[in-house]
Amino acid sequence: MDYDAETLFSVGRRFLHGDCVEKDTDKAKEMLERAADMGHPLARKLLDTINDRKEEEKDNMEEWNKMRSGQMYNWTDPVIDRSLKQSRIACEKFNKSGIDHDDYRQLLENMIPGVPETVTILPPFHCDHGNGLHLGEGVFVNYNGMFLDAADITIGNHTLIGPNCSLYTPQHPIDYRMRRKTIESAFAIKIGKDCWLGGDVTVCPGVTIGDRCVIGAGSVVTHDIPSDTLAAGNPCRVIRKLE
């Protein structure tokens, strides 16, 4: 259906501000660009405002990019703080629901964008941002998982995570004087496919666990674990090779 310039401008502005519709900047730009091409006097001005805002957002991503790349960053940065708040709200809503509720899948996707439909997480569950979690097909996370994803956390297909497991990517400075400041770093965690982490396992920043590993309950994983091994303990050590 063809719309006139005024209608396109009005709809685009609604998408931009989330007025009676879900906020969608890309749809807003599409509508406003069509209105501008048709000569609407305010559409181009509003488009310029959107583009200026995007440039400003890029400039404000410095601390976020540091966080994701293992550099020291300020966790009170407005962009990071906004993401933390959004994640806390999403986690709260998810934890008030449950796997047997009709809204379970939607709330899970709101908490972890792009999560595969075959992933199951039992509430309660907590994460820092949600968008740093990359879960493969068939991943299962039992009750009371805590995945702090300041850096990326990647879990391979069909891996099982037991209850009360914690995956920590943030790392505070060793120097106590630095710890008084609002700075820290974060290092990515990678867990391979077809792994099984028993209950109460803790995985520390920067650790990689290979494919098809079994990590014994109560283990604290401080170093990389090679594929096809059974490992356990505090600190976690390889016990034997798996067939």
Protein backbone atom coordinates (compact mmCIF):
# COMPACT_ATOMS: atom_id res chain seq x y z
CA MET A 1 0.00 0.00 0.00
CA ASP A 2 1.27 3.51 -0.89
CA TYR A 3 1.32 6.14 1.86
CA ASP A 4 1.68 9.89 1.58
CA ALA A 5 4.66 11.71 3.07
CA GLU A 6 2.81 12.90 6.16
CA THR A 7 1.67 9.37 7.05
CA LEU A 8 5.18 7.97 6.55
CA PHE A 9 6.61 10.72 8.73
CA SER A 10 4.04 10.12 11.47
CA VAL A 11 4.61 6.35 11.49
CA GLY A 12 8.39 6.77 11.41
CA ARG A 13 8.27 9.12 14.38
CA ARG A 14 6.15 6.59 16.31
CA PHE A 15 8.72 3.85 15.68
CA LEU A 16 11.51 6.20 16.74
CA HIS A 17 9.98 7.08 20.10
CA GLY A 18 8.08 3.84 20.78
CA ASP A 19 4.76 5.71 20.80
CA CYS A 20 1.99 3.04 20.74
CA VAL A 21 4.36 0.66 18.88
CA GLU A 22 7.54 -1.19 19.82
CA LYS A 23 10.55 1.08 19.40
CA ASP A 24 12.48 0.23 16.22
CA THR A 25 15.07 2.70 14.93
CA ASP A 26 15.66 0.81 11.66
CA LYS A 27 11.97 0.90 10.77
CA ALA A 28 11.84 4.56 11.78
CA LYS A 29 14.70 5.38 9.41
CA GLU A 30 13.06 3.46 6.57
CA MET A 31 9.80 5.39 6.95
CA LEU A 32 11.49 8.75 7.39
CA GLU A 33 13.77 8.25 4.38
CA ARG A 34 10.73 7.54 2.20
CA ALA A 35 9.01 10.62 3.59
CA ALA A 36 12.12 12.72 2.95
CA ASP A 37 12.35 11.47 -0.64
CA MET A 38 8.75 12.61 -1.08
CA GLY A 39 9.71 16.09 0.11
CA HIS A 40 8.44 16.11 3.71
CA PRO A 41 10.01 19.24 5.30
CA LEU A 42 10.76 17.67 8.73
CA ALA A 43 11.70 14.11 7.78
CA ARG A 44 15.28 14.94 6.70
CA LYS A 45 15.86 16.96 9.86
CA LEU A 46 14.70 14.06 12.04
CA LEU A 47 16.91 11.65 10.07
CA ASP A 48 19.92 13.90 10.68
CA THR A 49 19.11 13.82 14.41
CA ILE A 50 19.08 9.99 14.36
CA ASN A 51 22.41 9.85 12.50
CA ASP A 52 24.00 12.34 14.90
CA ARG A 53 22.77 10.26 17.83
CA LYS A 54 24.30 7.11 16.33
CA GLU A 55 27.64 8.84 15.89
CA GLU A 56 27.49 9.98 19.50
CA GLU A 57 26.70 6.41 20.61
CA LYS A 58 29.75 5.13 18.71
CA ASP A 59 31.93 7.65 20.56
CA ASN A 60 30.44 6.48 23.86
CA MET A 61 31.30 2.80 23.22
CA GLU A 62 34.96 3.14 24.23
CA GLU A 63 34.59 1.62 27.72
CA TRP A 64 32.26 -1.09 26.40
CA ASN A 65 34.83 -2.09 23.77
CA LYS A 66 37.53 -2.18 26.43
CA MET A 67 35.34 -4.46 28.54
CA ARG A 68 34.81 -6.90 25.69
CA SER A 69 38.49 -6.97 24.69
CA GLY A 70 40.13 -7.76 28.04
CA GLN A 71 41.33 -4.23 28.79
CA MET A 72 40.85 -2.37 32.05
CA TYR A 73 37.51 -0.56 31.91
CA ASN A 74 35.29 1.61 34.09
CA TRP A 75 32.20 -0.38 35.05
CA THR A 76 30.29 2.80 35.99
CA ASP A 77 30.39 3.99 32.36
CA PRO A 78 26.85 5.05 31.29
CA VAL A 79 26.66 2.56 28.39
CA ILE A 80 27.75 -0.33 30.61
CA ASP A 81 25.53 0.80 33.47
CA ARG A 82 22.51 0.96 31.17
CA SER A 83 23.17 -2.57 29.92
CA LEU A 84 23.53 -3.85 33.49
CA LYS A 85 20.20 -2.29 34.48
CA GLN A 86 18.40 -3.74 31.45
CA SER A 87 19.81 -7.17 32.23
CA ARG A 88 18.77 -7.00 35.89
CA ILE A 89 15.21 -6.20 34.86
CA ALA A 90 15.18 -9.02 32.27
CA CYS A 91 16.56 -11.50 34.82
CA GLU A 92 14.00 -10.43 37.40
CA LYS A 93 11.12 -11.00 34.98
CA PHE A 94 12.55 -14.35 33.87
CA ASN A 95 13.00 -15.53 37.45
CA LYS A 96 9.42 -14.63 38.33
CA SER A 97 8.21 -16.94 35.58
CA GLY A 98 9.21 -20.58 35.03
CA ILE A 99 9.69 -23.29 32.43
CA ASP A 100 6.02 -24.31 32.62
CA HIS A 101 4.68 -20.79 31.98
CA ASP A 102 3.50 -19.61 28.56
CA ASP A 103 5.85 -16.61 28.60
CA TYR A 104 8.98 -18.66 29.44
CA ARG A 105 10.52 -18.70 25.96
CA GLN A 106 9.90 -15.00 25.29
CA LEU A 107 11.37 -13.98 28.65
CA LEU A 108 14.42 -16.20 28.00
CA GLU A 109 14.96 -14.52 24.62
CA ASN A 110 14.58 -11.09 26.20
CA MET A 111 17.28 -12.00 28.73
CA ILE A 112 19.66 -13.63 26.20
CA PRO A 113 19.19 -12.19 22.69
CA GLY A 114 19.47 -14.77 19.92
CA VAL A 115 19.38 -17.80 22.23
CA PRO A 116 18.50 -21.00 20.29
CA GLU A 117 15.04 -22.46 20.81
CA THR A 118 16.59 -25.75 21.96
CA VAL A 119 18.32 -24.11 24.96
CA THR A 120 16.76 -24.67 28.38
CA ILE A 121 17.62 -22.61 31.47
CA LEU A 122 15.88 -23.27 34.77
CA PRO A 123 15.26 -20.18 36.90
CA PRO A 124 16.58 -18.64 39.01
CA PHE A 125 19.36 -17.50 36.70
CA HIS A 126 21.53 -14.38 36.75
CA CYS A 127 23.78 -12.72 34.17
CA ASP A 128 25.44 -9.32 33.85
CA HIS A 129 24.44 -8.35 30.31
CA GLY A 130 22.95 -11.35 28.53
CA ASN A 131 24.26 -10.27 25.13
CA GLY A 132 27.67 -11.72 26.04
CA LEU A 133 26.23 -15.25 26.33
CA HIS A 134 26.61 -17.45 23.25
CA LEU A 135 24.89 -20.78 23.85
CA GLY A 136 24.86 -23.66 21.37
CA GLU A 137 22.00 -25.94 20.42
CA GLY A 138 20.65 -28.16 23.17
CA VAL A 139 22.50 -26.44 26.03
CA PHE A 140 20.88 -27.13 29.41
CA VAL A 141 21.50 -24.99 32.51
CA ASN A 142 20.12 -26.27 35.81
CA TYR A 143 18.83 -24.16 38.69
CA ASN A 144 20.70 -21.15 40.08
CA GLY A 145 23.21 -20.52 37.31
CA MET A 146 25.27 -17.34 37.56
CA PHE A 147 26.99 -16.32 34.32
CA LEU A 148 28.76 -12.96 34.64
CA ASP A 149 29.34 -12.01 31.01
CA ALA A 150 31.35 -8.81 31.08
CA ALA A 151 33.47 -10.72 28.55
CA ASP A 152 31.96 -13.30 26.23
CA ILE A 153 30.88 -16.71 27.55
CA THR A 154 30.60 -19.35 24.82
CA ILE A 155 29.11 -22.79 25.48
CA GLY A 156 29.09 -25.48 22.80
CA ASN A 157 26.23 -27.65 21.58
CA HIS A 158 24.61 -30.17 23.95
CA THR A 159 26.62 -29.15 27.00
CA LEU A 160 24.98 -29.69 30.38
CA ILE A 161 25.54 -27.27 33.26
CA GLY A 162 24.63 -28.54 36.73
CA PRO A 163 22.86 -26.60 39.49
CA ASN A 164 24.59 -23.72 41.28
CA CYS A 165 27.29 -23.35 38.63
CA SER A 166 29.07 -19.99 38.30
CA LEU A 167 30.98 -18.69 35.29
CA TYR A 168 32.93 -15.54 36.12
CA THR A 169 34.60 -13.38 33.45
CA PRO A 170 35.25 -10.17 35.51
CA GLN A 171 38.55 -9.82 37.32
CA HIS A 172 39.34 -7.10 39.85
CA PRO A 173 42.87 -5.67 40.10
CA ILE A 174 45.34 -7.41 42.43
CA ASP A 175 46.60 -4.06 43.77
CA TYR A 176 44.23 -3.01 46.58
CA ARG A 177 44.67 0.67 45.67
CA MET A 178 43.39 -0.04 42.18
CA ARG A 179 40.49 -2.05 43.59
CA ARG A 180 39.24 1.09 45.34
CA LYS A 181 38.54 2.56 41.91
CA THR A 182 35.60 1.63 39.69
CA ILE A 183 37.75 -0.35 37.26
CA GLU A 184 38.20 -4.00 36.40
CA SER A 185 38.98 -6.24 33.43
CA ALA A 186 37.18 -9.27 32.02
CA PHE A 187 38.38 -12.37 30.17
CA ALA A 188 36.31 -14.68 27.99
CA ILE A 189 35.26 -18.19 29.02
CA LYS A 190 34.83 -20.95 26.45
CA ILE A 191 33.25 -24.35 27.15
CA GLY A 192 33.19 -26.90 24.36
CA LYS A 193 30.44 -29.13 23.03
CA ASP A 194 29.03 -32.21 24.80
CA CYS A 195 30.53 -31.24 28.17
CA TRP A 196 29.02 -31.91 31.59
CA LEU A 197 29.71 -29.62 34.52
CA GLY A 198 28.54 -31.11 37.81
CA GLY A 199 26.81 -29.08 40.50
CA ASP A 200 28.57 -26.15 42.20
CA VAL A 201 31.34 -25.84 39.60
CA THR A 202 33.06 -22.45 39.38
CA VAL A 203 34.84 -21.42 36.17
CA CYS A 204 37.27 -18.52 36.55
CA PRO A 205 38.06 -15.71 34.08
CA GLY A 206 39.83 -16.62 30.85
CA VAL A 207 39.38 -20.41 31.14
CA THR A 208 38.79 -22.69 28.16
CA ILE A 209 37.30 -26.16 28.65
CA GLY A 210 37.61 -28.46 25.63
CA ASP A 211 34.99 -30.67 24.01
CA ARG A 212 33.41 -33.68 25.73
CA CYS A 213 34.85 -32.88 29.16
CA VAL A 214 33.37 -33.88 32.50
CA ILE A 215 34.04 -31.51 35.40
CA GLY A 216 33.39 -32.99 38.84
CA ALA A 217 30.95 -31.37 41.26
CA GLY A 218 32.38 -28.63 43.44
CA SER A 219 35.40 -28.00 41.21
CA VAL A 220 37.04 -24.60 40.83
CA VAL A 221 38.42 -24.38 37.29
CA THR A 222 41.33 -21.93 37.25
CA HIS A 223 43.21 -23.22 34.18
CA ASP A 224 42.37 -24.60 30.75
CA ILE A 225 41.12 -28.20 30.56
CA PRO A 226 41.90 -30.21 27.39
CA SER A 227 39.21 -32.04 25.43
CA ASP A 228 38.07 -35.56 26.33
CA THR A 229 39.15 -35.44 29.96
CA LEU A 230 37.64 -36.00 33.39
CA ALA A 231 38.76 -33.23 35.74
CA ALA A 232 37.90 -32.29 39.31
CA GLY A 233 39.15 -30.56 42.44
CA ASN A 234 40.09 -27.16 43.81
CA PRO A 235 42.00 -26.16 41.82
CA CYS A 236 40.56 -28.39 39.10
CA ARG A 237 43.04 -30.94 37.68
CA VAL A 238 42.81 -33.57 34.98
CA ILE A 239 42.18 -36.98 36.54
CA ARG A 240 42.17 -39.13 33.44
CA LYS A 241 41.58 -39.19 29.70
CA LEU A 242 38.11 -40.18 28.51
CA GLU A 243 37.61 -42.76 25.78
